[in-house]
Amino acid sequence: MTAATTIVRQPALASYPQPTPTARAALQVEKASVDGERRKVEGDLGPVRYLATLIGASDQDILRWFILAIAMLLGPAAVLLLLCAVEKRSVHLCRHSRTSPANALAG
């Protein structure tokens, strides 16, 4: 340390006001709630952390790739379901109007 450095001493811990037993109990309940929520989240992220460790990437990178993969899989599935619904509607219209599927979609 140099001569210009001053040391600021903190007051003793006993000089701070102590919480009442009711306030302390409320804080302990809140801490237990937060700890339980943290454990639940850590449990949900367990497989992600395992995969991140296995690959050697961060948790955030693994989650980004997972979301991208799900989006790439569900996007085409949604389009396929939409095409199936349109096809089913056109077949339904053909049966009731006695026309071809191409005419049913046009009209």
PDB file of N, CA and C in Angstrom:
ATOM      1  N   MET A   1       0.838  -1.180   0.000  1.00  0.00           N
ATOM      2  CA  MET A   1       0.000   0.000   0.000  1.00  0.00           C
ATOM      3  C   MET A   1       0.880   1.238   0.000  1.00  0.00           C
ATOM      4  N   THR A   2       0.347   2.254  -0.617  1.00  0.00           N
ATOM      5  CA  THR A   2       1.092   3.511  -0.621  1.00  0.00           C
ATOM      6  C   THR A   2       0.599   4.394   0.499  1.00  0.00           C
ATOM      7  N   ALA A   3       1.326   5.478   0.713  1.00  0.00           N
ATOM      8  CA  ALA A   3       0.959   6.399   1.794  1.00  0.00           C
ATOM      9  C   ALA A   3      -0.325   7.143   1.481  1.00  0.00           C
ATOM     10  N   ALA A   4      -0.654   7.287   0.186  1.00  0.00           N
ATOM     11  CA  ALA A   4      -1.859   8.029  -0.203  1.00  0.00           C
ATOM     12  C   ALA A   4      -3.127   7.198  -0.048  1.00  0.00           C
ATOM     13  N   THR A   5      -2.994   5.902   0.099  1.00  0.00           N
ATOM     14  CA  THR A   5      -4.148   5.030   0.219  1.00  0.00           C
ATOM     15  C   THR A   5      -4.721   5.132   1.622  1.00  0.00           C
ATOM     16  N   THR A   6      -6.024   5.376   1.680  1.00  0.00           N
ATOM     17  CA  THR A   6      -6.682   5.418   2.982  1.00  0.00           C
ATOM     18  C   THR A   6      -7.585   4.216   3.110  1.00  0.00           C
ATOM     19  N   ILE A   7      -7.660   3.709   4.269  1.00  0.00           N
ATOM     20  CA  ILE A   7      -8.495   2.548   4.534  1.00  0.00           C
ATOM     21  C   ILE A   7      -9.777   3.030   5.187  1.00  0.00           C
ATOM     22  N   VAL A   8     -10.884   2.685   4.553  1.00  0.00           N
ATOM     23  CA  VAL A   8     -12.187   3.046   5.115  1.00  0.00           C
ATOM     24  C   VAL A   8     -12.692   1.842   5.875  1.00  0.00           C
ATOM     25  N   ARG A   9     -12.927   2.002   7.125  1.00  0.00           N
ATOM     26  CA  ARG A   9     -13.399   0.898   7.954  1.00  0.00           C
ATOM     27  C   ARG A   9     -14.925   0.906   7.989  1.00  0.00           C
ATOM     28  N   GLN A  10     -15.479  -0.284   7.807  1.00  0.00           N
ATOM     29  CA  GLN A  10     -16.921  -0.440   7.886  1.00  0.00           C
ATOM     30  C   GLN A  10     -17.313  -0.563   9.354  1.00  0.00           C
ATOM     31  N   PRO A  11     -18.484  -0.049   9.695  1.00  0.00           N
ATOM     32  CA  PRO A  11     -18.931  -0.226  11.083  1.00  0.00           C
ATOM     33  C   PRO A  11     -19.162  -1.703  11.386  1.00  0.00           C
ATOM     34  N   ALA A  12     -19.063  -2.046  12.604  1.00  0.00           N
ATOM     35  CA  ALA A  12     -19.258  -3.442  13.009  1.00  0.00           C
ATOM     36  C   ALA A  12     -20.666  -3.902  12.662  1.00  0.00           C
ATOM     37  N   LEU A  13     -20.788  -5.168  12.390  1.00  0.00           N
ATOM     38  CA  LEU A  13     -22.069  -5.737  11.992  1.00  0.00           C
ATOM     39  C   LEU A  13     -23.123  -5.544  13.076  1.00  0.00           C
ATOM     40  N   ALA A  14     -22.733  -5.540  14.321  1.00  0.00           N
ATOM     41  CA  ALA A  14     -23.678  -5.395  15.425  1.00  0.00           C
ATOM     42  C   ALA A  14     -24.304  -4.007  15.459  1.00  0.00           C
ATOM     43  N   SER A  15     -23.663  -3.023  14.834  1.00  0.00           N
ATOM     44  CA  SER A  15     -24.216  -1.672  14.868  1.00  0.00           C
ATOM     45  C   SER A  15     -25.348  -1.467  13.863  1.00  0.00           C
ATOM     46  N   TYR A  16     -25.529  -2.411  12.895  1.00  0.00           N
ATOM     47  CA  TYR A  16     -26.636  -2.316  11.954  1.00  0.00           C
ATOM     48  C   TYR A  16     -27.924  -2.742  12.641  1.00  0.00           C
ATOM     49  N   PRO A  17     -29.068  -2.170  12.255  1.00  0.00           N
ATOM     50  CA  PRO A  17     -30.325  -2.597  12.873  1.00  0.00           C
ATOM     51  C   PRO A  17     -30.647  -4.042  12.483  1.00  0.00           C
ATOM     52  N   GLN A  18     -31.035  -4.830  13.446  1.00  0.00           N
ATOM     53  CA  GLN A  18     -31.366  -6.225  13.205  1.00  0.00           C
ATOM     54  C   GLN A  18     -32.856  -6.339  12.848  1.00  0.00           C
ATOM     55  N   PRO A  19     -33.202  -7.214  11.883  1.00  0.00           N
ATOM     56  CA  PRO A  19     -34.618  -7.376  11.541  1.00  0.00           C
ATOM     57  C   PRO A  19     -35.387  -8.042  12.676  1.00  0.00           C
ATOM     58  N   THR A  20     -36.649  -7.727  12.731  1.00  0.00           N
ATOM     59  CA  THR A  20     -37.492  -8.355  13.748  1.00  0.00           C
ATOM     60  C   THR A  20     -37.679  -9.824  13.400  1.00  0.00           C
ATOM     61  N   PRO A  21     -38.061 -10.639  14.375  1.00  0.00           N
ATOM     62  CA  PRO A  21     -38.275 -12.067  14.076  1.00  0.00           C
ATOM     63  C   PRO A  21     -39.322 -12.284  12.984  1.00  0.00           C
ATOM     64  N   THR A  22     -40.346 -11.440  12.932  1.00  0.00           N
ATOM     65  CA  THR A  22     -41.382 -11.593  11.895  1.00  0.00           C
ATOM     66  C   THR A  22     -40.797 -11.297  10.523  1.00  0.00           C
ATOM     67  N   ALA A  23     -40.009 -10.224  10.432  1.00  0.00           N
ATOM     68  CA  ALA A  23     -39.391  -9.873   9.156  1.00  0.00           C
ATOM     69  C   ALA A  23     -38.388 -10.944   8.738  1.00  0.00           C
ATOM     70  N   ARG A  24     -37.645 -11.476   9.703  1.00  0.00           N
ATOM     71  CA  ARG A  24     -36.682 -12.534   9.397  1.00  0.00           C
ATOM     72  C   ARG A  24     -37.398 -13.777   8.876  1.00  0.00           C
ATOM     73  N   ALA A  25     -38.522 -14.127   9.489  1.00  0.00           N
ATOM     74  CA  ALA A  25     -39.290 -15.293   9.033  1.00  0.00           C
ATOM     75  C   ALA A  25     -39.824 -15.074   7.620  1.00  0.00           C
ATOM     76  N   ALA A  26     -40.301 -13.851   7.348  1.00  0.00           N
ATOM     77  CA  ALA A  26     -40.803 -13.554   6.000  1.00  0.00           C
ATOM     78  C   ALA A  26     -39.688 -13.650   4.974  1.00  0.00           C
ATOM     79  N   LEU A  27     -38.496 -13.175   5.333  1.00  0.00           N
ATOM     80  CA  LEU A  27     -37.356 -13.264   4.419  1.00  0.00           C
ATOM     81  C   LEU A  27     -36.942 -14.717   4.182  1.00  0.00           C
ATOM     82  N   GLN A  28     -37.017 -15.537   5.225  1.00  0.00           N
ATOM     83  CA  GLN A  28     -36.659 -16.944   5.069  1.00  0.00           C
ATOM     84  C   GLN A  28     -37.663 -17.665   4.168  1.00  0.00           C
ATOM     85  N   VAL A  29     -38.938 -17.325   4.295  1.00  0.00           N
ATOM     86  CA  VAL A  29     -39.961 -17.930   3.433  1.00  0.00           C
ATOM     87  C   VAL A  29     -39.731 -17.522   1.984  1.00  0.00           C
ATOM     88  N   GLU A  30     -39.430 -16.241   1.781  1.00  0.00           N
ATOM     89  CA  GLU A  30     -39.170 -15.756   0.426  1.00  0.00           C
ATOM     90  C   GLU A  30     -37.919 -16.416  -0.156  1.00  0.00           C
ATOM     91  N   LYS A  31     -36.883 -16.578   0.670  1.00  0.00           N
ATOM     92  CA  LYS A  31     -35.653 -17.235   0.212  1.00  0.00           C
ATOM     93  C   LYS A  31     -35.920 -18.690  -0.158  1.00  0.00           C
ATOM     94  N   ALA A  32     -36.723 -19.371   0.642  1.00  0.00           N
ATOM     95  CA  ALA A  32     -37.057 -20.767   0.339  1.00  0.00           C
ATOM     96  C   ALA A  32     -37.828 -20.869  -0.973  1.00  0.00           C
ATOM     97  N   SER A  33     -38.723 -19.913  -1.215  1.00  0.00           N
ATOM     98  CA  SER A  33     -39.484 -19.908  -2.461  1.00  0.00           C
ATOM     99  C   SER A  33     -38.566 -19.700  -3.662  1.00  0.00           C
ATOM    100  N   VAL A  34     -37.649 -18.753  -3.538  1.00  0.00           N
ATOM    101  CA  VAL A  34     -36.707 -18.475  -4.627  1.00  0.00           C
ATOM    102  C   VAL A  34     -35.786 -19.668  -4.850  1.00  0.00           C
ATOM    103  N   ASP A  35     -35.319 -20.294  -3.774  1.00  0.00           N
ATOM    104  CA  ASP A  35     -34.459 -21.461  -3.909  1.00  0.00           C
ATOM    105  C   ASP A  35     -35.185 -22.617  -4.592  1.00  0.00           C
ATOM    106  N   GLY A  36     -36.458 -22.819  -4.249  1.00  0.00           N
ATOM    107  CA  GLY A  36     -37.241 -23.868  -4.895  1.00  0.00           C
ATOM    108  C   GLY A  36     -37.418 -23.611  -6.378  1.00  0.00           C
ATOM    109  N   GLU A  37     -37.676 -22.377  -6.737  1.00  0.00           N
ATOM    110  CA  GLU A  37     -37.833 -22.014  -8.144  1.00  0.00           C
ATOM    111  C   GLU A  37     -36.506 -22.209  -8.892  1.00  0.00           C
ATOM    112  N   ARG A  38     -35.406 -21.841  -8.237  1.00  0.00           N
ATOM    113  CA  ARG A  38     -34.087 -21.997  -8.862  1.00  0.00           C
ATOM    114  C   ARG A  38     -33.784 -23.476  -9.106  1.00  0.00           C
ATOM    115  N   ARG A  39     -34.102 -24.322  -8.132  1.00  0.00           N
ATOM    116  CA  ARG A  39     -33.871 -25.760  -8.301  1.00  0.00           C
ATOM    117  C   ARG A  39     -34.713 -26.329  -9.430  1.00  0.00           C
ATOM    118  N   LYS A  40     -35.942 -25.844  -9.547  1.00  0.00           N
ATOM    119  CA  LYS A  40     -36.823 -26.321 -10.618  1.00  0.00           C
ATOM    120  C   LYS A  40     -36.250 -25.941 -11.989  1.00  0.00           C
ATOM    121  N   VAL A  41     -35.783 -24.712 -12.110  1.00  0.00           N
ATOM    122  CA  VAL A  41     -35.203 -24.258 -13.376  1.00  0.00           C
ATOM    123  C   VAL A  41     -33.921 -25.027 -13.682  1.00  0.00           C
ATOM    124  N   GLU A  42     -33.097 -25.239 -12.675  1.00  0.00           N
ATOM    125  CA  GLU A  42     -31.871 -26.011 -12.885  1.00  0.00           C
ATOM    126  C   GLU A  42     -32.186 -27.437 -13.310  1.00  0.00           C
ATOM    127  N   GLY A  43     -33.254 -28.012 -12.769  1.00  0.00           N
ATOM    128  CA  GLY A  43     -33.664 -29.352 -13.175  1.00  0.00           C
ATOM    129  C   GLY A  43     -34.138 -29.391 -14.611  1.00  0.00           C
ATOM    130  N   ASP A  44     -34.834 -28.336 -15.029  1.00  0.00           N
ATOM    131  CA  ASP A  44     -35.301 -28.272 -16.413  1.00  0.00           C
ATOM    132  C   ASP A  44     -34.135 -28.101 -17.379  1.00  0.00           C
ATOM    133  N   LEU A  45     -33.088 -27.400 -16.955  1.00  0.00           N
ATOM    134  CA  LEU A  45     -31.943 -27.149 -17.823  1.00  0.00           C
ATOM    135  C   LEU A  45     -30.880 -28.234 -17.735  1.00  0.00           C
ATOM    136  N   GLY A  46     -31.111 -29.259 -16.936  1.00  0.00           N
ATOM    137  CA  GLY A  46     -30.125 -30.319 -16.776  1.00  0.00           C
ATOM    138  C   GLY A  46     -29.695 -30.965 -18.083  1.00  0.00           C
ATOM    139  N   PRO A  47     -30.636 -31.410 -18.923  1.00  0.00           N
ATOM    140  CA  PRO A  47     -30.241 -32.008 -20.208  1.00  0.00           C
ATOM    141  C   PRO A  47     -29.504 -31.026 -21.122  1.00  0.00           C
ATOM    142  N   VAL A  48     -29.904 -29.761 -21.075  1.00  0.00           N
ATOM    143  CA  VAL A  48     -29.233 -28.759 -21.902  1.00  0.00           C
ATOM    144  C   VAL A  48     -27.796 -28.584 -21.443  1.00  0.00           C
ATOM    145  N   ARG A  49     -27.598 -28.518 -20.143  1.00  0.00           N
ATOM    146  CA  ARG A  49     -26.232 -28.375 -19.617  1.00  0.00           C
ATOM    147  C   ARG A  49     -25.385 -29.604 -19.936  1.00  0.00           C
ATOM    148  N   TYR A  50     -25.994 -30.783 -19.861  1.00  0.00           N
ATOM    149  CA  TYR A  50     -25.265 -32.007 -20.196  1.00  0.00           C
ATOM    150  C   TYR A  50     -24.816 -31.974 -21.653  1.00  0.00           C
ATOM    151  N   LEU A  51     -25.738 -31.611 -22.546  1.00  0.00           N
ATOM    152  CA  LEU A  51     -25.410 -31.548 -23.967  1.00  0.00           C
ATOM    153  C   LEU A  51     -24.366 -30.469 -24.236  1.00  0.00           C
ATOM    154  N   ALA A  52     -24.480 -29.336 -23.557  1.00  0.00           N
ATOM    155  CA  ALA A  52     -23.504 -28.258 -23.728  1.00  0.00           C
ATOM    156  C   ALA A  52     -22.119 -28.716 -23.282  1.00  0.00           C
ATOM    157  N   THR A  53     -22.053 -29.442 -22.182  1.00  0.00           N
ATOM    158  CA  THR A  53     -20.776 -29.950 -21.703  1.00  0.00           C
ATOM    159  C   THR A  53     -20.219 -30.987 -22.669  1.00  0.00           C
ATOM    160  N   LEU A  54     -21.089 -31.831 -23.186  1.00  0.00           N
ATOM    161  CA  LEU A  54     -20.674 -32.878 -24.113  1.00  0.00           C
ATOM    162  C   LEU A  54     -20.108 -32.285 -25.398  1.00  0.00           C
ATOM    163  N   ILE A  55     -20.761 -31.249 -25.911  1.00  0.00           N
ATOM    164  CA  ILE A  55     -20.332 -30.625 -27.160  1.00  0.00           C
ATOM    165  C   ILE A  55     -19.211 -29.617 -26.925  1.00  0.00           C
ATOM    166  N   GLY A  56     -19.220 -29.008 -25.773  1.00  0.00           N
ATOM    167  CA  GLY A  56     -18.217 -27.997 -25.468  1.00  0.00           C
ATOM    168  C   GLY A  56     -18.682 -26.602 -25.835  1.00  0.00           C
ATOM    169  N   ALA A  57     -19.985 -26.364 -25.754  1.00  0.00           N
ATOM    170  CA  ALA A  57     -20.559 -25.059 -26.069  1.00  0.00           C
ATOM    171  C   ALA A  57     -21.262 -24.520 -24.826  1.00  0.00           C
ATOM    172  N   SER A  58     -21.713 -23.278 -24.920  1.00  0.00           N
ATOM    173  CA  SER A  58     -22.419 -22.686 -23.778  1.00  0.00           C
ATOM    174  C   SER A  58     -23.886 -23.103 -23.793  1.00  0.00           C
ATOM    175  N   ASP A  59     -24.539 -22.935 -22.656  1.00  0.00           N
ATOM    176  CA  ASP A  59     -25.958 -23.270 -22.545  1.00  0.00           C
ATOM    177  C   ASP A  59     -26.789 -22.456 -23.533  1.00  0.00           C
ATOM    178  N   GLN A  60     -26.451 -21.171 -23.664  1.00  0.00           N
ATOM    179  CA  GLN A  60     -27.204 -20.292 -24.556  1.00  0.00           C
ATOM    180  C   GLN A  60     -27.089 -20.743 -26.014  1.00  0.00           C
ATOM    181  N   ASP A  61     -25.891 -21.162 -26.427  1.00  0.00           N
ATOM    182  CA  ASP A  61     -25.714 -21.632 -27.804  1.00  0.00           C
ATOM    183  C   ASP A  61     -26.541 -22.878 -28.069  1.00  0.00           C
ATOM    184  N   ILE A  62     -26.556 -23.797 -27.112  1.00  0.00           N
ATOM    185  CA  ILE A  62     -27.337 -25.029 -27.268  1.00  0.00           C
ATOM    186  C   ILE A  62     -28.824 -24.701 -27.357  1.00  0.00           C
ATOM    187  N   LEU A  63     -29.302 -23.786 -26.505  1.00  0.00           N
ATOM    188  CA  LEU A  63     -30.718 -23.413 -26.559  1.00  0.00           C
ATOM    189  C   LEU A  63     -31.063 -22.754 -27.888  1.00  0.00           C
ATOM    190  N   ARG A  64     -30.178 -21.913 -28.408  1.00  0.00           N
ATOM    191  CA  ARG A  64     -30.433 -21.279 -29.708  1.00  0.00           C
ATOM    192  C   ARG A  64     -30.526 -22.314 -30.821  1.00  0.00           C
ATOM    193  N   TRP A  65     -29.610 -23.273 -30.826  1.00  0.00           N
ATOM    194  CA  TRP A  65     -29.643 -24.318 -31.847  1.00  0.00           C
ATOM    195  C   TRP A  65     -30.895 -25.197 -31.694  1.00  0.00           C
ATOM    196  N   PHE A  66     -31.288 -25.468 -30.459  1.00  0.00           N
ATOM    197  CA  PHE A  66     -32.492 -26.272 -30.232  1.00  0.00           C
ATOM    198  C   PHE A  66     -33.728 -25.553 -30.763  1.00  0.00           C
ATOM    199  N   ILE A  67     -33.843 -24.262 -30.476  1.00  0.00           N
ATOM    200  CA  ILE A  67     -34.993 -23.490 -30.965  1.00  0.00           C
ATOM    201  C   ILE A  67     -34.986 -23.437 -32.482  1.00  0.00           C
ATOM    202  N   LEU A  68     -33.822 -23.264 -33.086  1.00  0.00           N
ATOM    203  CA  LEU A  68     -33.716 -23.252 -34.544  1.00  0.00           C
ATOM    204  C   LEU A  68     -34.144 -24.589 -35.135  1.00  0.00           C
ATOM    205  N   ALA A  69     -33.710 -25.682 -34.532  1.00  0.00           N
ATOM    206  CA  ALA A  69     -34.085 -27.010 -35.029  1.00  0.00           C
ATOM    207  C   ALA A  69     -35.593 -27.232 -34.929  1.00  0.00           C
ATOM    208  N   ILE A  70     -36.189 -26.832 -33.817  1.00  0.00           N
ATOM    209  CA  ILE A  70     -37.637 -26.991 -33.661  1.00  0.00           C
ATOM    210  C   ILE A  70     -38.378 -26.141 -34.690  1.00  0.00           C
ATOM    211  N   ALA A  71     -37.917 -24.918 -34.903  1.00  0.00           N
ATOM    212  CA  ALA A  71     -38.561 -24.049 -35.893  1.00  0.00           C
ATOM    213  C   ALA A  71     -38.440 -24.637 -37.297  1.00  0.00           C
ATOM    214  N   MET A  72     -37.293 -25.204 -37.603  1.00  0.00           N
ATOM    215  CA  MET A  72     -37.099 -25.798 -38.930  1.00  0.00           C
ATOM    216  C   MET A  72     -37.965 -27.045 -39.118  1.00  0.00           C
ATOM    217  N   LEU A  73     -38.238 -27.755 -38.050  1.00  0.00           N
ATOM    218  CA  LEU A  73     -39.085 -28.947 -38.154  1.00  0.00           C
ATOM    219  C   LEU A  73     -40.570 -28.598 -38.167  1.00  0.00           C
ATOM    220  N   LEU A  74     -40.984 -27.637 -37.336  1.00  0.00           N
ATOM    221  CA  LEU A  74     -42.406 -27.324 -37.225  1.00  0.00           C
ATOM    222  C   LEU A  74     -42.909 -26.445 -38.362  1.00  0.00           C
ATOM    223  N   GLY A  75     -42.042 -25.649 -38.974  1.00  0.00           N
ATOM    224  CA  GLY A  75     -42.466 -24.801 -40.097  1.00  0.00           C
ATOM    225  C   GLY A  75     -43.004 -25.620 -41.256  1.00  0.00           C
ATOM    226  N   PRO A  76     -42.228 -26.564 -41.780  1.00  0.00           N
ATOM    227  CA  PRO A  76     -42.747 -27.403 -42.863  1.00  0.00           C
ATOM    228  C   PRO A  76     -43.946 -28.256 -42.442  1.00  0.00           C
ATOM    229  N   ALA A  77     -43.979 -28.676 -41.193  1.00  0.00           N
ATOM    230  CA  ALA A  77     -45.126 -29.459 -40.721  1.00  0.00           C
ATOM    231  C   ALA A  77     -46.402 -28.619 -40.754  1.00  0.00           C
ATOM    232  N   ALA A  78     -46.290 -27.354 -40.398  1.00  0.00           N
ATOM    233  CA  ALA A  78     -47.455 -26.467 -40.438  1.00  0.00           C
ATOM    234  C   ALA A  78     -47.930 -26.277 -41.873  1.00  0.00           C
ATOM    235  N   VAL A  79     -47.006 -26.116 -42.806  1.00  0.00           N
ATOM    236  CA  VAL A  79     -47.377 -25.967 -44.218  1.00  0.00           C
ATOM    237  C   VAL A  79     -48.034 -27.244 -44.724  1.00  0.00           C
ATOM    238  N   LEU A  80     -47.506 -28.387 -44.348  1.00  0.00           N
ATOM    239  CA  LEU A  80     -48.087 -29.666 -44.760  1.00  0.00           C
ATOM    240  C   LEU A  80     -49.505 -29.827 -44.224  1.00  0.00           C
ATOM    241  N   LEU A  81     -49.720 -29.458 -42.957  1.00  0.00           N
ATOM    242  CA  LEU A  81     -51.070 -29.541 -42.401  1.00  0.00           C
ATOM    243  C   LEU A  81     -52.023 -28.596 -43.113  1.00  0.00           C
ATOM    244  N   LEU A  82     -51.556 -27.430 -43.473  1.00  0.00           N
ATOM    245  CA  LEU A  82     -52.382 -26.477 -44.201  1.00  0.00           C
ATOM    246  C   LEU A  82     -52.755 -27.024 -45.573  1.00  0.00           C
ATOM    247  N   LEU A  83     -51.796 -27.624 -46.263  1.00  0.00           N
ATOM    248  CA  LEU A  83     -52.089 -28.216 -47.576  1.00  0.00           C
ATOM    249  C   LEU A  83     -53.071 -29.378 -47.449  1.00  0.00           C
ATOM    250  N   CYS A  84     -52.936 -30.175 -46.414  1.00  0.00           N
ATOM    251  CA  CYS A  84     -53.873 -31.288 -46.201  1.00  0.00           C
ATOM    252  C   CYS A  84     -55.284 -30.770 -45.939  1.00  0.00           C
ATOM    253  N   ALA A  85     -55.384 -29.694 -45.170  1.00  0.00           N
ATOM    254  CA  ALA A  85     -56.702 -29.129 -44.890  1.00  0.00           C
ATOM    255  C   ALA A  85     -57.332 -28.578 -46.151  1.00  0.00           C
ATOM    256  N   VAL A  86     -56.554 -27.929 -46.993  1.00  0.00           N
ATOM    257  CA  VAL A  86     -57.082 -27.390 -48.250  1.00  0.00           C
ATOM    258  C   VAL A  86     -57.518 -28.524 -49.158  1.00  0.00           C
ATOM    259  N   GLU A  87     -56.719 -29.577 -49.230  1.00  0.00           N
ATOM    260  CA  GLU A  87     -57.063 -30.721 -50.076  1.00  0.00           C
ATOM    261  C   GLU A  87     -58.342 -31.396 -49.571  1.00  0.00           C
ATOM    262  N   LYS A  88     -58.461 -31.544 -48.265  1.00  0.00           N
ATOM    263  CA  LYS A  88     -59.657 -32.184 -47.706  1.00  0.00           C
ATOM    264  C   LYS A  88     -60.891 -31.332 -47.985  1.00  0.00           C
ATOM    265  N   ARG A  89     -60.738 -30.018 -47.897  1.00  0.00           N
ATOM    266  CA  ARG A  89     -61.864 -29.119 -48.169  1.00  0.00           C
ATOM    267  C   ARG A  89     -62.268 -29.217 -49.638  1.00  0.00           C
ATOM    268  N   SER A  90     -61.278 -29.298 -50.535  1.00  0.00           N
ATOM    269  CA  SER A  90     -61.615 -29.369 -51.955  1.00  0.00           C
ATOM    270  C   SER A  90     -62.297 -30.690 -52.287  1.00  0.00           C
ATOM    271  N   VAL A  91     -61.878 -31.795 -51.671  1.00  0.00           N
ATOM    272  CA  VAL A  91     -62.532 -33.086 -51.896  1.00  0.00           C
ATOM    273  C   VAL A  91     -63.952 -33.047 -51.349  1.00  0.00           C
ATOM    274  N   HIS A  92     -64.134 -32.412 -50.182  1.00  0.00           N
ATOM    275  CA  HIS A  92     -65.460 -32.292 -49.592  1.00  0.00           C
ATOM    276  C   HIS A  92     -66.373 -31.469 -50.499  1.00  0.00           C
ATOM    277  N   LEU A  93     -65.868 -30.385 -51.049  1.00  0.00           N
ATOM    278  CA  LEU A  93     -66.671 -29.562 -51.954  1.00  0.00           C
ATOM    279  C   LEU A  93     -66.996 -30.306 -53.238  1.00  0.00           C
ATOM    280  N   CYS A  94     -66.085 -31.147 -53.731  1.00  0.00           N
ATOM    281  CA  CYS A  94     -66.325 -31.911 -54.961  1.00  0.00           C
ATOM    282  C   CYS A  94     -67.452 -32.903 -54.779  1.00  0.00           C
ATOM    283  N   ARG A  95     -67.500 -33.532 -53.631  1.00  0.00           N
ATOM    284  CA  ARG A  95     -68.552 -34.535 -53.400  1.00  0.00           C
ATOM    285  C   ARG A  95     -69.931 -33.890 -53.365  1.00  0.00           C
ATOM    286  N   HIS A  96     -70.007 -32.680 -52.815  1.00  0.00           N
ATOM    287  CA  HIS A  96     -71.304 -32.033 -52.697  1.00  0.00           C
ATOM    288  C   HIS A  96     -71.704 -31.251 -53.940  1.00  0.00           C
ATOM    289  N   SER A  97     -70.760 -30.811 -54.743  1.00  0.00           N
ATOM    290  CA  SER A  97     -71.110 -30.015 -55.915  1.00  0.00           C
ATOM    291  C   SER A  97     -70.969 -30.787 -57.214  1.00  0.00           C
ATOM    292  N   ARG A  98     -70.462 -32.006 -57.146  1.00  0.00           N
ATOM    293  CA  ARG A  98     -70.295 -32.869 -58.314  1.00  0.00           C
ATOM    294  C   ARG A  98     -69.414 -32.228 -59.381  1.00  0.00           C
ATOM    295  N   THR A  99     -68.361 -31.508 -58.952  1.00  0.00           N
ATOM    296  CA  THR A  99     -67.423 -30.921 -59.903  1.00  0.00           C
ATOM    297  C   THR A  99     -66.036 -31.459 -59.615  1.00  0.00           C
ATOM    298  N   SER A 100     -65.110 -31.119 -60.460  1.00  0.00           N
ATOM    299  CA  SER A 100     -63.734 -31.567 -60.255  1.00  0.00           C
ATOM    300  C   SER A 100     -63.081 -30.749 -59.158  1.00  0.00           C
ATOM    301  N   PRO A 101     -61.995 -31.252 -58.529  1.00  0.00           N
ATOM    302  CA  PRO A 101     -61.318 -30.499 -57.468  1.00  0.00           C
ATOM    303  C   PRO A 101     -60.800 -29.134 -57.938  1.00  0.00           C
ATOM    304  N   ALA A 102     -60.360 -29.044 -59.189  1.00  0.00           N
ATOM    305  CA  ALA A 102     -59.860 -27.771 -59.690  1.00  0.00           C
ATOM    306  C   ALA A 102     -60.983 -26.732 -59.769  1.00  0.00           C
ATOM    307  N   ASN A 103     -62.164 -27.147 -60.192  1.00  0.00           N
ATOM    308  CA  ASN A 103     -63.301 -26.218 -60.254  1.00  0.00           C
ATOM    309  C   ASN A 103     -63.799 -25.856 -58.852  1.00  0.00           C
ATOM    310  N   ALA A 104     -63.695 -26.786 -57.922  1.00  0.00           N
ATOM    311  CA  ALA A 104     -64.163 -26.518 -56.575  1.00  0.00           C
ATOM    312  C   ALA A 104     -63.292 -25.456 -55.900  1.00  0.00           C
ATOM    313  N   LEU A 105     -61.977 -25.507 -56.151  1.00  0.00           N
ATOM    314  CA  LEU A 105     -61.094 -24.509 -55.561  1.00  0.00           C
ATOM    315  C   LEU A 105     -61.275 -23.141 -56.212  1.00  0.00           C
ATOM    316  N   ALA A 106     -61.575 -23.136 -57.502  1.00  0.00           N
ATOM    317  CA  ALA A 106     -61.745 -21.862 -58.216  1.00  0.00           C
ATOM    318  C   ALA A 106     -63.034 -21.166 -57.813  1.00  0.00           C
ATOM    319  N   GLY A 107     -64.047 -21.897 -57.467  1.00  0.00           N
ATOM    320  CA  GLY A 107     -65.342 -21.287 -57.197  1.00  0.00           C
ATOM    321  C   GLY A 107     -65.665 -21.154 -55.797  1.00  0.00           C
TER     322      GLY A 107
END
